[in-house]
Amino acid sequence: MKTARQDVGLKSSHVTPADGNVFADLGFSPKEARALLKDADARIAKGKRLKEDAATAIAQWIRAKKLTQDAASEILDVSRPRVSDLVNLKLSRFSLDTLVAMLLRTGKNVDLVVR
């Protein structure tokens, strides 16, 4: 079976290994590449913390209400396996938007602060 690459006749004859900094790979100066990578890493970490905080608040709400995953799934309007993913903090499976919508369904207030 041919891959799509083979079907169009494309072959990679040279691969340049990445050095771990996509910004350096894109041609930014070493100093600027380090600064851009540091900023990107900080933004990613902040997004992860926001998702963890939201998921933790939902999981605490489930425990406080003594809900089964089935009952929680009805209220949160998601499948029971999604509730399981949430309480087990498998957060790569959730967007922040989804978690905020679920928080609102718990009756919690969610405020966005932009600085």
N, C-alpha and C. Protein backbone atom coordinates (compact mmCIF):
# COMPACT_ATOMS: atom_id res chain seq x y z
N MET A 1 0.84 -1.18 0.00
CA MET A 1 0.00 0.00 0.00
C MET A 1 0.88 1.24 0.00
N LYS A 2 0.62 2.17 -0.86
CA LYS A 2 1.39 3.40 -0.95
C LYS A 2 0.88 4.44 0.02
N THR A 3 1.81 5.22 0.54
CA THR A 3 1.40 6.35 1.37
C THR A 3 1.06 7.52 0.46
N ALA A 4 0.43 8.52 1.02
CA ALA A 4 0.08 9.71 0.25
C ALA A 4 1.34 10.35 -0.33
N ARG A 5 2.42 10.31 0.42
CA ARG A 5 3.68 10.90 -0.04
C ARG A 5 4.19 10.15 -1.27
N GLN A 6 4.08 8.83 -1.26
CA GLN A 6 4.53 8.04 -2.40
C GLN A 6 3.63 8.27 -3.62
N ASP A 7 2.35 8.45 -3.36
CA ASP A 7 1.41 8.64 -4.46
C ASP A 7 1.72 9.89 -5.28
N VAL A 8 2.20 10.93 -4.64
CA VAL A 8 2.48 12.16 -5.37
C VAL A 8 3.95 12.26 -5.76
N GLY A 9 4.71 11.22 -5.49
CA GLY A 9 6.09 11.17 -5.92
C GLY A 9 7.05 11.98 -5.07
N LEU A 10 6.67 12.34 -3.84
CA LEU A 10 7.54 13.11 -2.96
C LEU A 10 8.38 12.17 -2.12
N LYS A 11 9.65 12.48 -2.03
CA LYS A 11 10.54 11.70 -1.17
C LYS A 11 11.38 12.68 -0.37
N SER A 12 11.57 12.36 0.86
CA SER A 12 12.44 13.19 1.69
C SER A 12 13.84 12.62 1.60
N SER A 13 14.76 13.41 1.08
CA SER A 13 16.13 12.93 0.95
C SER A 13 17.02 13.49 2.04
N HIS A 14 16.55 14.50 2.76
CA HIS A 14 17.35 15.11 3.81
C HIS A 14 16.44 15.52 4.96
N VAL A 15 16.84 15.16 6.16
CA VAL A 15 16.09 15.55 7.35
C VAL A 15 17.04 16.28 8.28
N THR A 16 16.67 17.48 8.67
CA THR A 16 17.48 18.25 9.60
C THR A 16 16.93 18.03 10.99
N PRO A 17 17.75 17.50 11.90
CA PRO A 17 17.25 17.25 13.26
C PRO A 17 16.94 18.57 13.97
N ALA A 18 15.89 18.56 14.73
CA ALA A 18 15.51 19.74 15.51
C ALA A 18 16.41 19.83 16.73
N ASP A 19 16.71 21.03 17.16
CA ASP A 19 17.57 21.19 18.33
C ASP A 19 16.78 21.33 19.63
N GLY A 20 15.46 21.19 19.57
CA GLY A 20 14.64 21.32 20.77
C GLY A 20 14.01 22.69 20.91
N ASN A 21 14.34 23.61 20.02
CA ASN A 21 13.76 24.94 20.06
C ASN A 21 13.26 25.28 18.66
N VAL A 22 11.96 25.21 18.49
CA VAL A 22 11.37 25.44 17.17
C VAL A 22 11.69 26.85 16.66
N PHE A 23 11.85 27.80 17.57
CA PHE A 23 12.14 29.16 17.15
C PHE A 23 13.55 29.27 16.55
N ALA A 24 14.49 28.54 17.12
CA ALA A 24 15.84 28.48 16.55
C ALA A 24 15.77 27.81 15.18
N ASP A 25 14.98 26.74 15.09
CA ASP A 25 14.82 26.03 13.82
C ASP A 25 14.22 26.93 12.75
N LEU A 26 13.41 27.90 13.19
CA LEU A 26 12.79 28.83 12.24
C LEU A 26 13.71 29.99 11.86
N GLY A 27 14.89 30.03 12.46
CA GLY A 27 15.87 31.03 12.06
C GLY A 27 16.01 32.23 12.97
N PHE A 28 15.33 32.25 14.12
CA PHE A 28 15.49 33.35 15.05
C PHE A 28 16.90 33.29 15.64
N SER A 29 17.42 34.43 16.07
CA SER A 29 18.74 34.46 16.70
C SER A 29 18.68 33.61 17.98
N PRO A 30 19.81 33.08 18.42
CA PRO A 30 19.79 32.24 19.64
C PRO A 30 19.15 32.94 20.84
N LYS A 31 19.46 34.22 21.03
CA LYS A 31 18.90 34.95 22.17
C LYS A 31 17.39 35.09 22.04
N GLU A 32 16.94 35.49 20.85
CA GLU A 32 15.50 35.66 20.63
C GLU A 32 14.77 34.32 20.69
N ALA A 33 15.39 33.26 20.16
CA ALA A 33 14.78 31.93 20.19
C ALA A 33 14.59 31.46 21.63
N ARG A 34 15.59 31.69 22.47
CA ARG A 34 15.47 31.30 23.90
C ARG A 34 14.33 32.07 24.57
N ALA A 35 14.24 33.38 24.30
CA ALA A 35 13.19 34.20 24.91
C ALA A 35 11.81 33.76 24.43
N LEU A 36 11.68 33.50 23.14
CA LEU A 36 10.39 33.05 22.60
C LEU A 36 9.99 31.70 23.16
N LEU A 37 10.96 30.79 23.29
CA LEU A 37 10.66 29.47 23.85
C LEU A 37 10.25 29.59 25.31
N LYS A 38 10.94 30.43 26.06
CA LYS A 38 10.59 30.62 27.47
C LYS A 38 9.16 31.15 27.61
N ASP A 39 8.82 32.13 26.76
CA ASP A 39 7.47 32.70 26.78
C ASP A 39 6.43 31.65 26.40
N ALA A 40 6.70 30.87 25.36
CA ALA A 40 5.76 29.83 24.92
C ALA A 40 5.57 28.79 26.01
N ASP A 41 6.67 28.38 26.65
CA ASP A 41 6.57 27.39 27.73
C ASP A 41 5.74 27.92 28.90
N ALA A 42 5.92 29.21 29.22
CA ALA A 42 5.15 29.81 30.32
C ALA A 42 3.66 29.86 29.98
N ARG A 43 3.34 30.20 28.73
CA ARG A 43 1.93 30.24 28.32
C ARG A 43 1.29 28.86 28.36
N ILE A 44 2.03 27.86 27.90
CA ILE A 44 1.53 26.49 27.92
C ILE A 44 1.30 26.04 29.36
N ALA A 45 2.25 26.33 30.25
CA ALA A 45 2.12 25.95 31.65
C ALA A 45 0.91 26.63 32.30
N LYS A 46 0.69 27.89 31.95
CA LYS A 46 -0.46 28.61 32.51
C LYS A 46 -1.77 27.98 32.04
N GLY A 47 -1.84 27.61 30.77
CA GLY A 47 -3.03 26.95 30.25
C GLY A 47 -3.29 25.63 30.95
N LYS A 48 -2.23 24.88 31.20
CA LYS A 48 -2.37 23.61 31.91
C LYS A 48 -2.88 23.83 33.33
N ARG A 49 -2.34 24.87 34.00
CA ARG A 49 -2.80 25.17 35.36
C ARG A 49 -4.28 25.55 35.38
N LEU A 50 -4.71 26.34 34.39
CA LEU A 50 -6.12 26.72 34.33
C LEU A 50 -7.01 25.48 34.17
N LYS A 51 -6.59 24.58 33.28
CA LYS A 51 -7.37 23.35 33.06
C LYS A 51 -7.38 22.49 34.33
N GLU A 52 -6.23 22.39 35.01
CA GLU A 52 -6.17 21.61 36.24
C GLU A 52 -7.08 22.20 37.30
N ASP A 53 -7.06 23.53 37.44
CA ASP A 53 -7.91 24.20 38.43
C ASP A 53 -9.39 23.95 38.13
N ALA A 54 -9.77 24.06 36.86
CA ALA A 54 -11.17 23.84 36.49
C ALA A 54 -11.58 22.39 36.74
N ALA A 55 -10.75 21.45 36.31
CA ALA A 55 -11.07 20.03 36.49
C ALA A 55 -11.13 19.66 37.96
N THR A 56 -10.21 20.20 38.73
CA THR A 56 -10.20 19.91 40.18
C THR A 56 -11.47 20.44 40.84
N ALA A 57 -11.90 21.63 40.45
CA ALA A 57 -13.13 22.20 41.01
C ALA A 57 -14.34 21.34 40.67
N ILE A 58 -14.39 20.83 39.46
CA ILE A 58 -15.51 19.96 39.06
C ILE A 58 -15.46 18.65 39.82
N ALA A 59 -14.28 18.06 39.93
CA ALA A 59 -14.14 16.79 40.66
C ALA A 59 -14.52 16.96 42.13
N GLN A 60 -14.13 18.09 42.73
CA GLN A 60 -14.51 18.37 44.12
C GLN A 60 -16.01 18.53 44.25
N TRP A 61 -16.64 19.17 43.28
CA TRP A 61 -18.09 19.33 43.27
C TRP A 61 -18.77 17.96 43.21
N ILE A 62 -18.27 17.07 42.37
CA ILE A 62 -18.83 15.72 42.25
C ILE A 62 -18.74 15.00 43.59
N ARG A 63 -17.57 15.09 44.23
CA ARG A 63 -17.39 14.42 45.54
C ARG A 63 -18.28 15.05 46.60
N ALA A 64 -18.35 16.39 46.62
CA ALA A 64 -19.15 17.08 47.64
C ALA A 64 -20.64 16.73 47.51
N LYS A 65 -21.11 16.56 46.29
CA LYS A 65 -22.51 16.22 46.05
C LYS A 65 -22.75 14.72 46.15
N LYS A 66 -21.66 13.95 46.33
CA LYS A 66 -21.73 12.49 46.41
C LYS A 66 -22.42 11.89 45.18
N LEU A 67 -22.05 12.42 44.02
CA LEU A 67 -22.64 11.97 42.76
C LEU A 67 -21.89 10.77 42.20
N THR A 68 -22.62 9.88 41.58
CA THR A 68 -21.97 8.83 40.80
C THR A 68 -21.50 9.47 39.50
N GLN A 69 -20.62 8.78 38.80
CA GLN A 69 -20.18 9.31 37.50
C GLN A 69 -21.35 9.38 36.53
N ASP A 70 -22.28 8.44 36.62
CA ASP A 70 -23.46 8.48 35.76
C ASP A 70 -24.30 9.72 36.04
N ALA A 71 -24.54 10.00 37.33
CA ALA A 71 -25.34 11.17 37.69
C ALA A 71 -24.63 12.46 37.28
N ALA A 72 -23.32 12.51 37.51
CA ALA A 72 -22.55 13.69 37.14
C ALA A 72 -22.58 13.90 35.62
N SER A 73 -22.52 12.80 34.88
CA SER A 73 -22.52 12.93 33.41
C SER A 73 -23.83 13.54 32.91
N GLU A 74 -24.93 13.21 33.57
CA GLU A 74 -26.22 13.80 33.20
C GLU A 74 -26.23 15.31 33.43
N ILE A 75 -25.75 15.72 34.59
CA ILE A 75 -25.75 17.14 34.93
C ILE A 75 -24.76 17.92 34.05
N LEU A 76 -23.60 17.32 33.83
CA LEU A 76 -22.55 18.00 33.05
C LEU A 76 -22.76 17.89 31.55
N ASP A 77 -23.72 17.08 31.16
CA ASP A 77 -24.06 16.88 29.75
C ASP A 77 -22.88 16.32 28.94
N VAL A 78 -22.24 15.31 29.54
CA VAL A 78 -21.15 14.59 28.89
C VAL A 78 -21.34 13.10 29.16
N SER A 79 -20.58 12.28 28.47
CA SER A 79 -20.68 10.84 28.69
C SER A 79 -20.01 10.46 30.01
N ARG A 80 -20.37 9.30 30.53
CA ARG A 80 -19.75 8.83 31.77
C ARG A 80 -18.25 8.65 31.62
N PRO A 81 -17.73 8.13 30.48
CA PRO A 81 -16.28 8.03 30.33
C PRO A 81 -15.59 9.40 30.37
N ARG A 82 -16.28 10.45 29.90
CA ARG A 82 -15.70 11.79 29.97
C ARG A 82 -15.57 12.24 31.43
N VAL A 83 -16.53 11.89 32.26
CA VAL A 83 -16.45 12.21 33.69
C VAL A 83 -15.27 11.47 34.30
N SER A 84 -15.10 10.22 33.92
CA SER A 84 -13.96 9.44 34.41
C SER A 84 -12.64 10.10 34.02
N ASP A 85 -12.54 10.52 32.76
CA ASP A 85 -11.33 11.22 32.30
C ASP A 85 -11.09 12.47 33.13
N LEU A 86 -12.15 13.18 33.42
CA LEU A 86 -12.05 14.42 34.18
C LEU A 86 -11.55 14.16 35.60
N VAL A 87 -12.18 13.24 36.31
CA VAL A 87 -11.79 13.01 37.70
C VAL A 87 -10.39 12.38 37.79
N ASN A 88 -9.95 11.75 36.72
CA ASN A 88 -8.60 11.18 36.68
C ASN A 88 -7.60 12.16 36.05
N LEU A 89 -8.04 13.40 35.85
CA LEU A 89 -7.21 14.49 35.33
C LEU A 89 -6.51 14.15 34.02
N LYS A 90 -7.22 13.48 33.14
CA LYS A 90 -6.72 13.24 31.78
C LYS A 90 -7.10 14.47 30.95
N LEU A 91 -6.41 15.55 31.21
CA LEU A 91 -6.83 16.86 30.73
C LEU A 91 -6.50 17.13 29.28
N SER A 92 -5.66 16.33 28.66
CA SER A 92 -5.38 16.54 27.25
C SER A 92 -6.62 16.27 26.41
N ARG A 93 -7.58 15.61 27.01
CA ARG A 93 -8.82 15.27 26.30
C ARG A 93 -9.89 16.37 26.41
N PHE A 94 -9.55 17.48 27.09
CA PHE A 94 -10.51 18.56 27.30
C PHE A 94 -9.93 19.89 26.88
N SER A 95 -10.76 20.71 26.28
CA SER A 95 -10.36 22.10 26.05
C SER A 95 -10.76 22.90 27.28
N LEU A 96 -10.14 24.05 27.43
CA LEU A 96 -10.51 24.92 28.54
C LEU A 96 -11.97 25.36 28.39
N ASP A 97 -12.42 25.59 27.17
CA ASP A 97 -13.82 25.97 26.92
C ASP A 97 -14.78 24.91 27.44
N THR A 98 -14.45 23.66 27.18
CA THR A 98 -15.31 22.55 27.64
C THR A 98 -15.38 22.51 29.15
N LEU A 99 -14.23 22.69 29.80
CA LEU A 99 -14.20 22.66 31.26
C LEU A 99 -14.97 23.83 31.86
N VAL A 100 -14.89 25.00 31.23
CA VAL A 100 -15.64 26.16 31.72
C VAL A 100 -17.14 25.90 31.57
N ALA A 101 -17.55 25.33 30.45
CA ALA A 101 -18.97 25.01 30.26
C ALA A 101 -19.45 24.02 31.32
N MET A 102 -18.61 23.05 31.64
CA MET A 102 -18.98 22.08 32.67
C MET A 102 -19.06 22.75 34.03
N LEU A 103 -18.13 23.66 34.33
CA LEU A 103 -18.19 24.40 35.60
C LEU A 103 -19.49 25.17 35.72
N LEU A 104 -19.89 25.82 34.63
CA LEU A 104 -21.14 26.58 34.65
C LEU A 104 -22.33 25.66 34.92
N ARG A 105 -22.30 24.44 34.39
CA ARG A 105 -23.39 23.49 34.63
C ARG A 105 -23.46 23.04 36.08
N THR A 106 -22.34 23.19 36.82
CA THR A 106 -22.35 22.84 38.25
C THR A 106 -22.99 23.95 39.08
N GLY A 107 -23.24 25.09 38.44
CA GLY A 107 -23.80 26.23 39.16
C GLY A 107 -22.74 27.18 39.69
N LYS A 108 -21.49 26.88 39.40
CA LYS A 108 -20.41 27.76 39.85
C LYS A 108 -20.31 28.98 38.95
N ASN A 109 -19.83 30.07 39.52
CA ASN A 109 -19.56 31.28 38.74
C ASN A 109 -18.13 31.19 38.22
N VAL A 110 -17.96 31.59 37.00
CA VAL A 110 -16.64 31.61 36.38
C VAL A 110 -16.38 33.02 35.90
N ASP A 111 -15.27 33.60 36.36
CA ASP A 111 -14.90 34.95 35.95
C ASP A 111 -13.62 34.88 35.15
N LEU A 112 -13.55 35.65 34.09
CA LEU A 112 -12.35 35.77 33.29
C LEU A 112 -11.74 37.13 33.58
N VAL A 113 -10.48 37.13 33.95
CA VAL A 113 -9.77 38.37 34.23
C VAL A 113 -8.65 38.50 33.20
N VAL A 114 -8.66 39.60 32.47
CA VAL A 114 -7.64 39.86 31.48
C VAL A 114 -6.77 41.00 31.99
N ARG A 115 -5.46 40.75 32.01
CA ARG A 115 -4.53 41.77 32.52
C ARG A 115 -3.63 42.23 31.42
